[in-house]
Amino acid sequence: MIEVVFSDSACGSLKMAQRYGEGEYQSGVSVFLGYVGGRQPTEKEIKDARQQAEREERLTWERAVPLGGNPTDVYGFGLMLSIGDVSEDKPGIRRQHELERLYSVYPDGEGRGAARELLQRAQKDLNTVCSRAAAGEAIRVWYSSQPDELCGLYWFMAQLERLKKCGPVYLVGLPEWEVDENSGFIQKAGCAELSPGEWHRYLPLQQSAPPVFMRNCASRWQKLQNENAPLRVVLNGRLISMPENLYDPVIIREIEAESGEFQEAMIIGRILAKYRLGIGDSWVALRIEEMIRAGRIETVTDRKSTRLNSSHIPLSRMPSSA
């Protein structure tokens, strides 16, 4: 069966899930600890954390049910279709430009090459998947209400709708929330948050995608293409077009909570963790850059020699008149 997801992270995790839980557990947990109370963790704290992580990983492995299948049948279309121009029927130069813009936060022009590679792989994989689907192979699509994944679902259904014939299509949609065995509340932001040992839990949610559903998705995607707004977001369970400054009030609110100077990386991380908006760090970084160009934020240190994910992110501050 062909497996389709809409991010590279989900793609890698799903490939691992096919064999996750087979055989004896092999130790190999990595642990990263930050500063504890303003100091470096002690050797004992590191050892205890590693042992705890090892126990949890072993338990997850023993509980896991391997999905089976072949990793070569797993395809990830991480096109980030909730952002930017979507007027093309198939990913082309316009989607490449959007990916390059989103990846522009990487240093030394690395993002441009990564964007081109991603687009070329998506184009090749789409041709392969459509050919196999037209030959009658079954497809299973994993998605959630995260904007990129819901856009991906609509877009992919539109691709299949263009085929003269298509094999069976199955859908697995993640629930909005769930309760674990310890009565804990779980809310996944998307398939990218699924660990290899979790995928099997959602197989009971699988359902067939009838032709009327596929046509409806294709029609709604065409409407979004015609609107071609800067953003697409999920509101009351539906994808709608929105302006590019939609999330700016949230970003400004978190910046204003700082006392003067702040680090971009800290602001971005807090926004993603606190609000779980379904957007990536690249979009938040681009909006902060736009605020800098508009004079709403001042840079305090040289930005050219830094990279977004570094701990040496330049300090910024709100202008005194803001």
Protein backbone atom coordinates (compact mmCIF):
# COMPACT_ATOMS: atom_id res chain seq x y z
CA MET A 1 0.00 0.00 0.00
CA ILE A 2 1.18 3.52 -0.82
CA GLU A 3 1.42 5.74 2.27
CA VAL A 4 1.14 9.53 1.91
CA VAL A 5 1.93 12.21 4.50
CA PHE A 6 2.58 15.92 4.24
CA SER A 7 5.85 16.62 6.05
CA ASP A 8 9.36 15.22 6.02
CA SER A 9 9.22 14.57 9.78
CA ALA A 10 6.06 12.49 9.45
CA CYS A 11 7.54 10.66 6.48
CA GLY A 12 10.64 9.61 8.43
CA SER A 13 8.64 8.58 11.48
CA LEU A 14 6.16 6.53 9.43
CA LYS A 15 8.98 4.67 7.70
CA MET A 16 10.42 3.75 11.09
CA ALA A 17 6.96 2.71 12.33
CA GLN A 18 6.81 -0.08 9.75
CA ARG A 19 9.39 -2.08 11.73
CA TYR A 20 9.17 -0.38 15.10
CA GLY A 21 8.58 -2.97 17.83
CA GLU A 22 9.98 -5.96 15.91
CA GLY A 23 12.47 -8.14 17.75
CA GLU A 24 14.40 -7.31 20.89
CA TYR A 25 14.73 -3.71 21.96
CA GLN A 26 18.13 -2.23 21.09
CA SER A 27 19.42 0.45 23.44
CA GLY A 28 20.38 3.74 21.87
CA VAL A 29 18.61 6.68 23.51
CA SER A 30 20.14 10.14 23.28
CA VAL A 31 19.44 12.66 26.02
CA PHE A 32 19.92 16.42 25.81
CA LEU A 33 19.65 18.47 28.99
CA GLY A 34 19.67 22.22 29.20
CA TYR A 35 20.75 24.29 32.14
CA VAL A 36 19.18 23.32 35.47
CA GLY A 37 18.51 26.31 37.70
CA GLY A 38 21.06 28.39 35.79
CA ARG A 39 23.81 25.74 35.97
CA GLN A 40 24.97 22.80 33.92
CA PRO A 41 23.43 19.42 34.85
CA THR A 42 25.55 17.12 36.99
CA GLU A 43 26.74 13.72 35.81
CA LYS A 44 24.19 12.07 38.09
CA GLU A 45 21.36 14.17 36.64
CA ILE A 46 22.44 13.22 33.13
CA LYS A 47 22.68 9.55 34.08
CA ASP A 48 19.25 9.57 35.75
CA ALA A 49 17.68 11.30 32.76
CA ARG A 50 19.24 8.77 30.37
CA GLN A 51 17.98 5.84 32.43
CA GLN A 52 14.48 7.31 32.59
CA ALA A 53 14.45 7.90 28.84
CA GLU A 54 15.72 4.36 28.30
CA ARG A 55 12.91 2.89 30.39
CA GLU A 56 10.28 4.90 28.56
CA GLU A 57 11.68 4.03 25.13
CA ARG A 58 11.86 0.32 25.98
CA LEU A 59 8.23 0.36 27.17
CA THR A 60 7.14 2.16 23.99
CA TRP A 61 8.99 -0.39 21.87
CA GLU A 62 7.39 -3.34 23.67
CA ARG A 63 3.90 -1.87 23.29
CA ALA A 64 4.31 -0.94 19.65
CA VAL A 65 2.66 -2.84 16.81
CA PRO A 66 4.77 -2.73 13.62
CA LEU A 67 2.76 -1.41 10.69
CA GLY A 68 4.60 -3.53 8.15
CA GLY A 69 5.14 -2.47 4.58
CA ASN A 70 8.08 -1.11 2.64
CA PRO A 71 9.74 2.24 3.37
CA THR A 72 9.91 2.90 -0.37
CA ASP A 73 6.11 3.03 -0.38
CA VAL A 74 6.04 6.02 1.99
CA TYR A 75 5.89 9.44 0.33
CA GLY A 76 6.10 12.80 2.08
CA PHE A 77 4.92 15.97 0.35
CA GLY A 78 6.22 18.70 2.65
CA LEU A 79 5.18 21.52 0.33
CA MET A 80 3.80 23.79 3.10
CA LEU A 81 0.75 24.62 1.01
CA SER A 82 -0.90 26.72 3.73
CA ILE A 83 1.53 29.53 2.84
CA GLY A 84 1.90 31.52 -0.36
CA ASP A 85 0.93 31.08 -4.00
CA VAL A 86 -1.00 27.86 -4.74
CA SER A 87 -2.28 28.75 -8.21
CA GLU A 88 -0.29 25.98 -9.90
CA ASP A 89 -2.09 22.66 -10.47
CA LYS A 90 1.18 20.83 -9.82
CA PRO A 91 4.18 22.06 -7.79
CA GLY A 92 6.30 24.24 -10.05
CA ILE A 93 8.37 27.41 -10.08
CA ARG A 94 5.88 29.39 -7.96
CA ARG A 95 5.92 26.81 -5.20
CA GLN A 96 9.71 26.73 -5.45
CA HIS A 97 9.81 30.49 -4.90
CA GLU A 98 7.60 30.14 -1.82
CA LEU A 99 9.80 27.39 -0.41
CA GLU A 100 12.92 29.45 -1.09
CA ARG A 101 11.34 32.36 0.77
CA LEU A 102 10.49 30.17 3.74
CA TYR A 103 13.95 28.60 3.74
CA SER A 104 15.68 31.98 3.38
CA VAL A 105 16.22 31.98 7.16
CA TYR A 106 18.98 29.42 6.69
CA PRO A 107 22.52 30.85 6.45
CA ASP A 108 24.81 31.10 3.43
CA GLY A 109 22.06 30.45 0.90
CA GLU A 110 21.56 26.85 2.04
CA GLY A 111 17.80 27.28 1.94
CA ARG A 112 17.68 27.83 -1.81
CA GLY A 113 19.26 24.47 -2.51
CA ALA A 114 17.07 22.72 0.06
CA ALA A 115 13.93 24.23 -1.49
CA ARG A 116 14.89 23.12 -4.99
CA GLU A 117 15.69 19.62 -3.78
CA LEU A 118 12.37 19.36 -1.94
CA LEU A 119 10.41 20.53 -4.97
CA GLN A 120 12.20 18.18 -7.38
CA ARG A 121 11.59 15.24 -5.06
CA ALA A 122 7.90 16.18 -4.72
CA GLN A 123 7.50 16.41 -8.50
CA LYS A 124 9.12 13.01 -9.01
CA ASP A 125 7.17 11.37 -6.17
CA LEU A 126 3.86 12.81 -7.37
CA ASN A 127 4.37 11.32 -10.83
CA THR A 128 5.23 7.96 -9.28
CA VAL A 129 2.27 7.93 -6.90
CA CYS A 130 -0.21 8.98 -9.60
CA SER A 131 1.11 6.29 -11.96
CA ARG A 132 0.78 3.63 -9.30
CA ALA A 133 -2.67 4.85 -8.29
CA ALA A 134 -3.83 4.81 -11.93
CA ALA A 135 -2.62 1.20 -12.12
CA GLY A 136 -4.97 0.31 -9.27
CA GLU A 137 -2.73 0.38 -6.19
CA ALA A 138 -4.29 1.35 -2.88
CA ILE A 139 -3.30 4.60 -1.15
CA ARG A 140 -3.55 5.54 2.51
CA VAL A 141 -3.41 9.23 3.36
CA TRP A 142 -2.55 10.40 6.88
CA TYR A 143 -3.58 13.93 7.86
CA SER A 144 -4.81 16.21 10.65
CA SER A 145 -6.43 19.61 11.01
CA GLN A 146 -2.99 21.25 10.93
CA PRO A 147 -3.18 23.75 8.01
CA ASP A 148 -0.36 22.29 5.90
CA GLU A 149 -1.75 18.78 6.28
CA LEU A 150 -5.34 19.73 5.53
CA CYS A 151 -4.18 21.73 2.51
CA GLY A 152 -2.11 18.72 1.53
CA LEU A 153 -5.16 16.46 1.74
CA TYR A 154 -7.26 18.73 -0.49
CA TRP A 155 -4.40 19.19 -2.94
CA PHE A 156 -3.69 15.47 -3.14
CA MET A 157 -7.35 14.59 -3.67
CA ALA A 158 -7.35 17.10 -6.54
CA GLN A 159 -4.35 15.30 -8.06
CA LEU A 160 -6.15 11.94 -7.90
CA GLU A 161 -9.33 13.47 -9.31
CA ARG A 162 -7.47 14.24 -12.53
CA LEU A 163 -6.75 10.56 -13.14
CA LYS A 164 -9.04 8.61 -15.45
CA LYS A 165 -9.11 5.80 -12.90
CA CYS A 166 -7.70 5.31 -9.45
CA GLY A 167 -7.21 2.51 -6.96
CA PRO A 168 -8.88 2.55 -3.54
CA VAL A 169 -8.06 5.51 -1.29
CA TYR A 170 -8.12 5.31 2.49
CA LEU A 171 -7.92 8.13 5.01
CA VAL A 172 -6.57 8.29 8.55
CA GLY A 173 -7.37 11.59 10.23
CA LEU A 174 -5.88 12.29 13.65
CA PRO A 175 -8.42 13.14 16.35
CA GLU A 176 -8.53 16.67 17.73
CA TRP A 177 -7.76 15.24 21.16
CA GLU A 178 -7.60 11.95 23.04
CA VAL A 179 -7.03 10.50 26.50
CA ASP A 180 -4.14 8.12 27.17
CA GLU A 181 -4.06 5.05 29.44
CA ASN A 182 -3.12 7.27 32.39
CA SER A 183 -6.11 9.58 31.83
CA GLY A 184 -3.77 12.20 30.44
CA PHE A 185 -5.00 14.70 27.84
CA ILE A 186 -3.24 14.41 24.46
CA GLN A 187 -3.51 16.87 21.60
CA LYS A 188 -1.29 16.37 18.55
CA ALA A 189 -0.53 19.37 16.36
CA GLY A 190 -0.11 17.08 13.35
CA CYS A 191 1.33 13.82 12.06
CA ALA A 192 4.84 15.25 12.45
CA GLU A 193 4.39 14.85 16.22
CA LEU A 194 3.76 11.10 16.00
CA SER A 195 6.63 8.95 17.21
CA PRO A 196 7.29 5.63 15.40
CA GLY A 197 5.59 3.73 18.22
CA GLU A 198 2.33 5.68 17.96
CA TRP A 199 1.17 5.27 14.36
CA HIS A 200 -0.48 1.88 14.90
CA ARG A 201 -2.88 3.39 17.44
CA TYR A 202 -4.66 5.35 14.73
CA LEU A 203 -5.23 2.53 12.23
CA PRO A 204 -8.74 1.86 13.65
CA LEU A 205 -9.67 5.36 12.42
CA GLN A 206 -9.04 4.38 8.81
CA GLN A 207 -11.95 4.89 6.44
CA SER A 208 -12.50 4.75 2.71
CA ALA A 209 -12.56 7.96 0.71
CA PRO A 210 -15.67 7.81 -1.52
CA PRO A 211 -15.57 9.57 -4.90
CA VAL A 212 -17.93 12.29 -3.65
CA PHE A 213 -15.47 13.15 -0.87
CA MET A 214 -12.59 13.35 -3.31
CA ARG A 215 -14.58 15.58 -5.65
CA ASN A 216 -15.57 17.84 -2.76
CA CYS A 217 -11.93 18.21 -1.66
CA ALA A 218 -10.84 18.95 -5.23
CA SER A 219 -13.57 21.58 -5.59
CA ARG A 220 -12.65 23.27 -2.33
CA TRP A 221 -8.98 23.25 -3.28
CA GLN A 222 -9.80 24.90 -6.60
CA LYS A 223 -11.66 27.62 -4.72
CA LEU A 224 -8.62 28.24 -2.52
CA GLN A 225 -6.43 28.31 -5.63
CA ASN A 226 -8.64 30.94 -7.22
CA GLU A 227 -8.49 33.07 -4.07
CA ASN A 228 -4.73 32.47 -3.87
CA ALA A 229 -4.35 34.30 -0.55
CA PRO A 230 -1.04 34.62 1.34
CA LEU A 231 -2.29 32.20 4.02
CA ARG A 232 -4.76 29.38 4.48
CA VAL A 233 -5.90 28.58 8.02
CA VAL A 234 -8.37 26.21 9.67
CA LEU A 235 -11.34 28.00 11.21
CA ASN A 236 -14.25 26.01 12.63
CA GLY A 237 -12.91 22.94 10.86
CA ARG A 238 -12.73 24.57 7.42
CA LEU A 239 -9.83 25.90 5.39
CA ILE A 240 -10.21 29.58 4.61
CA SER A 241 -8.01 32.20 2.96
CA MET A 242 -6.46 34.87 5.17
CA PRO A 243 -4.03 37.85 4.87
CA GLU A 244 -0.33 37.46 5.64
CA ASN A 245 -0.48 39.59 8.81
CA LEU A 246 -2.97 37.25 10.52
CA TYR A 247 -0.53 36.11 13.20
CA ASP A 248 1.16 39.48 13.74
CA PRO A 249 -0.87 40.41 16.86
CA VAL A 250 0.28 37.19 18.55
CA ILE A 251 3.91 37.88 17.65
CA ILE A 252 3.71 41.49 18.88
CA ARG A 253 2.01 40.38 22.10
CA GLU A 254 4.89 38.05 22.94
CA ILE A 255 7.50 40.66 22.01
CA GLU A 256 5.83 43.30 24.16
CA ALA A 257 5.93 40.89 27.09
CA GLU A 258 9.72 41.16 26.99
CA SER A 259 11.53 43.91 28.88
CA GLY A 260 13.26 45.75 26.08
CA GLU A 261 15.71 43.55 24.21
CA PHE A 262 14.88 39.97 23.25
CA GLN A 263 16.23 37.05 21.27
CA GLU A 264 14.30 36.07 18.17
CA ALA A 265 14.83 32.34 18.76
CA MET A 266 13.26 32.58 22.21
CA ILE A 267 10.23 34.48 20.90
CA ILE A 268 9.73 32.06 18.01
CA GLY A 269 10.01 29.00 20.23
CA ARG A 270 7.58 30.40 22.77
CA ILE A 271 4.99 31.29 20.13
CA LEU A 272 5.10 27.83 18.57
CA ALA A 273 4.86 26.06 21.93
CA LYS A 274 2.31 28.36 23.55
CA TYR A 275 -0.20 28.92 20.77
CA ARG A 276 0.24 25.80 18.59
CA LEU A 277 -1.01 27.68 15.54
CA GLY A 278 0.05 25.02 13.07
CA ILE A 279 2.69 27.25 11.47
CA GLY A 280 6.43 26.72 11.32
CA ASP A 281 9.31 28.73 12.73
CA SER A 282 10.19 30.01 9.24
CA TRP A 283 6.92 31.93 8.89
CA VAL A 284 7.26 33.55 12.32
CA ALA A 285 10.84 34.53 11.48
CA LEU A 286 9.73 36.06 8.18
CA ARG A 287 7.05 38.12 9.91
CA ILE A 288 9.57 39.42 12.44
CA GLU A 289 11.87 40.35 9.55
CA GLU A 290 8.99 42.23 7.95
CA MET A 291 8.39 44.11 11.21
CA ILE A 292 12.07 45.06 11.25
CA ARG A 293 11.85 46.39 7.68
CA ALA A 294 8.72 48.32 8.62
CA GLY A 295 10.51 49.86 11.60
CA ARG A 296 8.30 48.21 14.21
CA ILE A 297 11.32 46.40 15.66
CA GLU A 298 14.94 47.53 15.87
CA THR A 299 17.93 45.20 15.63
CA VAL A 300 20.53 45.67 18.33
CA THR A 301 23.34 43.40 17.07
CA ASP A 302 24.67 42.34 13.67
CA ARG A 303 22.34 39.77 12.10
CA LYS A 304 24.45 38.77 9.10
CA SER A 305 26.85 36.49 10.94
CA THR A 306 24.14 34.57 12.80
CA ARG A 307 21.77 31.76 11.96
CA LEU A 308 18.17 31.31 13.08
CA ASN A 309 18.62 28.16 15.14
CA SER A 310 21.82 29.29 16.85
CA SER A 311 21.99 30.22 20.50
CA HIS A 312 23.72 33.40 19.34
CA ILE A 313 20.62 34.85 17.71
CA PRO A 314 20.94 38.65 17.62
CA LEU A 315 19.08 40.69 20.14
CA SER A 316 16.22 42.86 18.95
CA ARG A 317 14.03 45.38 20.66
CA MET A 318 10.84 47.26 20.18
CA PRO A 319 11.37 50.93 19.25
CA SER A 320 10.66 53.30 22.10
CA SER A 321 7.78 54.79 20.12
CA ALA A 322 6.13 51.42 19.59
